[in-house]
Amino acid sequence: MNDNDANDGTKLAPEDVCKLLSQHRQQREYSCFQSAPEMWLKLNKTIGWAEYPEQSLSENDRKGYEPYPDDGMKTYNGSTIHFRKETFNAPYDALFNRLKAELADGRFVVVSLRPSWGGWHGYLVTHEVGNDFVVFTKHGLNEADTEEDRLSNRLKTNEKVDCLFMRMGGKA
């Protein structure tokens, strides 16, 4: 698969993505920022559902997206993934426009949001629905803990949104 190929996941309905993501698990309480990019990698068929290359690095717990090189690359199973980090502040017009463009090009987006239970947590933006976006996360340590919500619900508790844009091969 290369950057010119839209991933199969963006063509799936949110309920189908939820079913797929139920095969993934967050391995430790503070590995959510490794878990969210792994969900992207799995939906893009870069790694298998039983693989956890980022969460296997427990030293990266609590480091947010620091382990992902801004404007840099990592290789997974022979596929090069390019990373680009960007922070958006309210009002979120620029964020919404960027998410629309990424999804229209067949790319999911990893975001960091402040959930209602506190702290920061990694999410995956997968679909645009009306004027909102579907976000998925793993809130718990087993496969059944896949949580689906709308971005607008999560933005109520956020003063900023950190995004991790990922692309196959080319620049993000």
C-alpha atoms as a PDB file:
ATOM      1  CA  MET A   1       0.000   0.000   0.000  1.00  0.00           C
ATOM      2  CA  ASN A   2       1.326   3.470  -0.760  1.00  0.00           C
ATOM      3  CA  ASP A   3       0.220   7.025   0.003  1.00  0.00           C
ATOM      4  CA  ASN A   4      -1.805   7.183  -3.205  1.00  0.00           C
ATOM      5  CA  ASP A   5      -4.019   4.294  -2.072  1.00  0.00           C
ATOM      6  CA  ALA A   6      -6.886   5.303   0.191  1.00  0.00           C
ATOM      7  CA  ASN A   7      -7.011   2.941   3.130  1.00  0.00           C
ATOM      8  CA  ASP A   8      -9.885   0.484   3.312  1.00  0.00           C
ATOM      9  CA  GLY A   9     -10.900   1.731   6.757  1.00  0.00           C
ATOM     10  CA  THR A  10     -12.243   5.122   5.689  1.00  0.00           C
ATOM     11  CA  LYS A  11     -14.723   3.330   3.448  1.00  0.00           C
ATOM     12  CA  LEU A  12     -16.105   1.362   6.411  1.00  0.00           C
ATOM     13  CA  ALA A  13     -19.035   2.564   8.512  1.00  0.00           C
ATOM     14  CA  PRO A  14     -18.176   3.661  12.063  1.00  0.00           C
ATOM     15  CA  GLU A  15     -19.808   0.536  13.524  1.00  0.00           C
ATOM     16  CA  ASP A  16     -17.556  -1.640  11.328  1.00  0.00           C
ATOM     17  CA  VAL A  17     -14.467   0.281  12.449  1.00  0.00           C
ATOM     18  CA  CYS A  18     -15.605  -0.232  16.050  1.00  0.00           C
ATOM     19  CA  LYS A  19     -15.840  -3.991  15.454  1.00  0.00           C
ATOM     20  CA  LEU A  20     -12.347  -4.059  13.969  1.00  0.00           C
ATOM     21  CA  LEU A  21     -10.900  -1.977  16.794  1.00  0.00           C
ATOM     22  CA  SER A  22     -12.397  -4.389  19.323  1.00  0.00           C
ATOM     23  CA  GLN A  23      -9.534  -6.709  18.297  1.00  0.00           C
ATOM     24  CA  HIS A  24      -7.013  -4.157  19.601  1.00  0.00           C
ATOM     25  CA  ARG A  25      -6.267  -3.511  23.228  1.00  0.00           C
ATOM     26  CA  GLN A  26      -4.553  -0.870  25.246  1.00  0.00           C
ATOM     27  CA  GLN A  27      -1.925  -2.807  27.180  1.00  0.00           C
ATOM     28  CA  ARG A  28      -1.221  -0.494  30.110  1.00  0.00           C
ATOM     29  CA  GLU A  29      -3.002   2.387  31.810  1.00  0.00           C
ATOM     30  CA  TYR A  30      -0.600   4.964  30.370  1.00  0.00           C
ATOM     31  CA  SER A  31       0.042   3.491  26.907  1.00  0.00           C
ATOM     32  CA  CYS A  32      -2.886   5.262  25.196  1.00  0.00           C
ATOM     33  CA  PHE A  33      -0.581   7.494  23.150  1.00  0.00           C
ATOM     34  CA  GLN A  34       1.078   4.385  21.730  1.00  0.00           C
ATOM     35  CA  SER A  35      -2.282   2.615  21.343  1.00  0.00           C
ATOM     36  CA  ALA A  36      -3.917   5.267  19.124  1.00  0.00           C
ATOM     37  CA  PRO A  37      -1.191   5.180  16.418  1.00  0.00           C
ATOM     38  CA  GLU A  38      -1.290   1.374  16.559  1.00  0.00           C
ATOM     39  CA  MET A  39      -5.021   1.531  15.769  1.00  0.00           C
ATOM     40  CA  TRP A  40      -4.119   3.651  12.703  1.00  0.00           C
ATOM     41  CA  LEU A  41      -1.438   1.148  11.695  1.00  0.00           C
ATOM     42  CA  LYS A  42      -3.830  -1.792  12.064  1.00  0.00           C
ATOM     43  CA  LEU A  43      -6.688  -0.183  10.119  1.00  0.00           C
ATOM     44  CA  ASN A  44      -4.184   0.621   7.361  1.00  0.00           C
ATOM     45  CA  LYS A  45      -2.995  -3.009   7.363  1.00  0.00           C
ATOM     46  CA  THR A  46       0.572  -1.976   8.191  1.00  0.00           C
ATOM     47  CA  ILE A  47       0.733  -4.214  11.252  1.00  0.00           C
ATOM     48  CA  GLY A  48      -1.336  -7.238  12.245  1.00  0.00           C
ATOM     49  CA  TRP A  49      -4.047  -7.181  14.905  1.00  0.00           C
ATOM     50  CA  ALA A  50      -1.843  -9.140  17.322  1.00  0.00           C
ATOM     51  CA  GLU A  51       1.122  -6.753  16.949  1.00  0.00           C
ATOM     52  CA  TYR A  52       1.909  -4.001  19.467  1.00  0.00           C
ATOM     53  CA  PRO A  53       5.215  -2.461  18.349  1.00  0.00           C
ATOM     54  CA  GLU A  54       4.672   0.868  20.110  1.00  0.00           C
ATOM     55  CA  GLN A  55       3.056  -0.365  23.319  1.00  0.00           C
ATOM     56  CA  SER A  56       5.882  -2.876  23.717  1.00  0.00           C
ATOM     57  CA  LEU A  57       8.041   0.153  24.604  1.00  0.00           C
ATOM     58  CA  SER A  58       6.838   0.842  28.154  1.00  0.00           C
ATOM     59  CA  GLU A  59       9.465   3.560  28.534  1.00  0.00           C
ATOM     60  CA  ASN A  60       7.265   5.681  26.245  1.00  0.00           C
ATOM     61  CA  ASP A  61       4.266   5.610  28.615  1.00  0.00           C
ATOM     62  CA  ARG A  62       3.182   9.124  29.666  1.00  0.00           C
ATOM     63  CA  LYS A  63       5.286  10.763  26.927  1.00  0.00           C
ATOM     64  CA  GLY A  64       2.414  11.734  24.617  1.00  0.00           C
ATOM     65  CA  TYR A  65       3.484  11.847  20.986  1.00  0.00           C
ATOM     66  CA  GLU A  66       7.123  12.631  21.853  1.00  0.00           C
ATOM     67  CA  PRO A  67       8.333   9.185  20.600  1.00  0.00           C
ATOM     68  CA  TYR A  68       7.007   9.983  17.096  1.00  0.00           C
ATOM     69  CA  PRO A  69       9.477  12.156  15.175  1.00  0.00           C
ATOM     70  CA  ASP A  70       7.894  15.386  13.902  1.00  0.00           C
ATOM     71  CA  ASP A  71       8.393  15.446  10.149  1.00  0.00           C
ATOM     72  CA  GLY A  72      10.175  12.116  10.527  1.00  0.00           C
ATOM     73  CA  MET A  73       9.632   8.446   9.817  1.00  0.00           C
ATOM     74  CA  LYS A  74       9.428   5.003  11.389  1.00  0.00           C
ATOM     75  CA  THR A  75       9.283   1.642   9.652  1.00  0.00           C
ATOM     76  CA  TYR A  76       6.799  -1.102  10.499  1.00  0.00           C
ATOM     77  CA  ASN A  77       6.968  -4.483   8.739  1.00  0.00           C
ATOM     78  CA  GLY A  78       8.854  -2.887   5.840  1.00  0.00           C
ATOM     79  CA  SER A  79       6.384   0.019   5.426  1.00  0.00           C
ATOM     80  CA  THR A  80       7.609   3.537   6.094  1.00  0.00           C
ATOM     81  CA  ILE A  81       5.238   5.830   7.984  1.00  0.00           C
ATOM     82  CA  HIS A  82       5.782   9.589   8.000  1.00  0.00           C
ATOM     83  CA  PHE A  83       4.688  11.602  11.058  1.00  0.00           C
ATOM     84  CA  ARG A  84       3.737  15.257  11.348  1.00  0.00           C
ATOM     85  CA  LYS A  85       2.621  16.912  14.595  1.00  0.00           C
ATOM     86  CA  GLU A  86       0.426  19.972  14.812  1.00  0.00           C
ATOM     87  CA  THR A  87      -1.451  21.696  17.658  1.00  0.00           C
ATOM     88  CA  PHE A  88      -4.784  23.444  17.129  1.00  0.00           C
ATOM     89  CA  ASN A  89      -6.360  25.941  19.510  1.00  0.00           C
ATOM     90  CA  ALA A  90      -9.957  27.157  19.818  1.00  0.00           C
ATOM     91  CA  PRO A  91     -11.799  28.207  17.803  1.00  0.00           C
ATOM     92  CA  TYR A  92     -11.290  24.970  15.907  1.00  0.00           C
ATOM     93  CA  ASP A  93     -12.083  25.974  12.309  1.00  0.00           C
ATOM     94  CA  ALA A  94      -8.533  25.148  11.150  1.00  0.00           C
ATOM     95  CA  LEU A  95      -8.700  21.765  12.912  1.00  0.00           C
ATOM     96  CA  PHE A  96     -12.060  20.907  11.316  1.00  0.00           C
ATOM     97  CA  ASN A  97     -10.818  21.905   7.856  1.00  0.00           C
ATOM     98  CA  ARG A  98      -7.680  19.796   8.252  1.00  0.00           C
ATOM     99  CA  LEU A  99      -9.635  16.772   9.521  1.00  0.00           C
ATOM    100  CA  LYS A 100     -12.070  17.071   6.587  1.00  0.00           C
ATOM    101  CA  ALA A 101      -9.164  17.178   4.129  1.00  0.00           C
ATOM    102  CA  GLU A 102      -7.358  14.201   5.706  1.00  0.00           C
ATOM    103  CA  LEU A 103     -10.495  12.051   5.801  1.00  0.00           C
ATOM    104  CA  ALA A 104     -11.401  13.042   2.218  1.00  0.00           C
ATOM    105  CA  ASP A 105      -7.944  11.785   1.194  1.00  0.00           C
ATOM    106  CA  GLY A 106      -8.581   8.481   2.995  1.00  0.00           C
ATOM    107  CA  ARG A 107      -6.461   9.121   6.088  1.00  0.00           C
ATOM    108  CA  PHE A 108      -7.452   8.776   9.722  1.00  0.00           C
ATOM    109  CA  VAL A 109      -5.971  11.235  12.235  1.00  0.00           C
ATOM    110  CA  VAL A 110      -4.595  10.534  15.711  1.00  0.00           C
ATOM    111  CA  VAL A 111      -5.499  13.237  18.244  1.00  0.00           C
ATOM    112  CA  SER A 112      -4.828  13.965  21.889  1.00  0.00           C
ATOM    113  CA  LEU A 113      -7.851  15.137  23.851  1.00  0.00           C
ATOM    114  CA  ARG A 114      -8.707  15.797  27.472  1.00  0.00           C
ATOM    115  CA  PRO A 115     -11.501  13.336  28.346  1.00  0.00           C
ATOM    116  CA  SER A 116     -14.167  13.957  30.977  1.00  0.00           C
ATOM    117  CA  TRP A 117     -12.315  11.651  33.407  1.00  0.00           C
ATOM    118  CA  GLY A 118      -9.223  13.920  33.360  1.00  0.00           C
ATOM    119  CA  GLY A 119      -5.680  13.915  32.021  1.00  0.00           C
ATOM    120  CA  TRP A 120      -4.991  13.494  28.306  1.00  0.00           C
ATOM    121  CA  HIS A 121      -5.832  10.533  26.118  1.00  0.00           C
ATOM    122  CA  GLY A 122      -5.141   9.304  22.564  1.00  0.00           C
ATOM    123  CA  TYR A 123      -8.019   9.029  20.067  1.00  0.00           C
ATOM    124  CA  LEU A 124      -8.422   8.152  16.396  1.00  0.00           C
ATOM    125  CA  VAL A 125     -10.620  10.342  14.152  1.00  0.00           C
ATOM    126  CA  THR A 126     -12.213   8.092  11.523  1.00  0.00           C
ATOM    127  CA  HIS A 127     -15.298   9.691   9.961  1.00  0.00           C
ATOM    128  CA  GLU A 128     -17.026  12.989   9.361  1.00  0.00           C
ATOM    129  CA  VAL A 129     -20.688  12.906  10.355  1.00  0.00           C
ATOM    130  CA  GLY A 130     -22.569  16.110   9.558  1.00  0.00           C
ATOM    131  CA  ASN A 131     -20.592  18.931  11.173  1.00  0.00           C
ATOM    132  CA  ASP A 132     -18.826  16.589  13.569  1.00  0.00           C
ATOM    133  CA  PHE A 133     -16.289  13.762  13.612  1.00  0.00           C
ATOM    134  CA  VAL A 134     -16.295  10.219  14.998  1.00  0.00           C
ATOM    135  CA  VAL A 135     -13.485   9.488  17.460  1.00  0.00           C
ATOM    136  CA  PHE A 136     -12.462   6.110  18.858  1.00  0.00           C
ATOM    137  CA  THR A 137     -10.291   5.242  21.804  1.00  0.00           C
ATOM    138  CA  LYS A 138      -9.554   2.349  24.116  1.00  0.00           C
ATOM    139  CA  HIS A 139     -10.678   3.231  27.653  1.00  0.00           C
ATOM    140  CA  GLY A 140      -9.616   0.191  29.590  1.00  0.00           C
ATOM    141  CA  LEU A 141      -7.302  -2.716  29.241  1.00  0.00           C
ATOM    142  CA  ASN A 142      -9.272  -5.258  27.208  1.00  0.00           C
ATOM    143  CA  GLU A 143     -10.716  -5.610  23.733  1.00  0.00           C
ATOM    144  CA  ALA A 144     -14.257  -4.770  24.880  1.00  0.00           C
ATOM    145  CA  ASP A 145     -13.211  -1.288  25.985  1.00  0.00           C
ATOM    146  CA  THR A 146     -13.489   0.355  22.572  1.00  0.00           C
ATOM    147  CA  GLU A 147     -15.174   3.707  23.055  1.00  0.00           C
ATOM    148  CA  GLU A 148     -16.842   5.701  20.267  1.00  0.00           C
ATOM    149  CA  ASP A 149     -17.800   9.354  20.649  1.00  0.00           C
ATOM    150  CA  ARG A 150     -18.105  12.600  18.727  1.00  0.00           C
ATOM    151  CA  LEU A 151     -15.263  15.086  18.661  1.00  0.00           C
ATOM    152  CA  SER A 152     -17.599  17.924  19.682  1.00  0.00           C
ATOM    153  CA  ASN A 153     -18.316  16.136  22.983  1.00  0.00           C
ATOM    154  CA  ARG A 154     -14.605  15.889  23.726  1.00  0.00           C
ATOM    155  CA  LEU A 155     -13.794  19.485  22.739  1.00  0.00           C
ATOM    156  CA  LYS A 156     -15.909  20.801  25.616  1.00  0.00           C
ATOM    157  CA  THR A 157     -13.054  19.965  27.986  1.00  0.00           C
ATOM    158  CA  ASN A 158     -10.151  21.032  25.731  1.00  0.00           C
ATOM    159  CA  GLU A 159      -8.234  24.237  25.277  1.00  0.00           C
ATOM    160  CA  LYS A 160      -6.143  22.653  22.519  1.00  0.00           C
ATOM    161  CA  VAL A 161      -5.928  19.537  20.343  1.00  0.00           C
ATOM    162  CA  ASP A 162      -2.609  17.910  19.487  1.00  0.00           C
ATOM    163  CA  CYS A 163      -2.723  15.990  16.198  1.00  0.00           C
ATOM    164  CA  LEU A 164      -0.425  13.298  14.884  1.00  0.00           C
ATOM    165  CA  PHE A 165      -0.806  13.076  11.110  1.00  0.00           C
ATOM    166  CA  MET A 166       0.443   9.779   9.701  1.00  0.00           C
ATOM    167  CA  ARG A 167       1.009   8.844   6.077  1.00  0.00           C
ATOM    168  CA  MET A 168       2.291   5.836   4.263  1.00  0.00           C
ATOM    169  CA  GLY A 169       5.648   6.639   2.679  1.00  0.00           C
ATOM    170  CA  GLY A 170       5.314  10.314   1.764  1.00  0.00           C
ATOM    171  CA  LYS A 171       5.190  13.408   3.929  1.00  0.00           C
ATOM    172  CA  ALA A 172       2.272  13.909   6.299  1.00  0.00           C
END
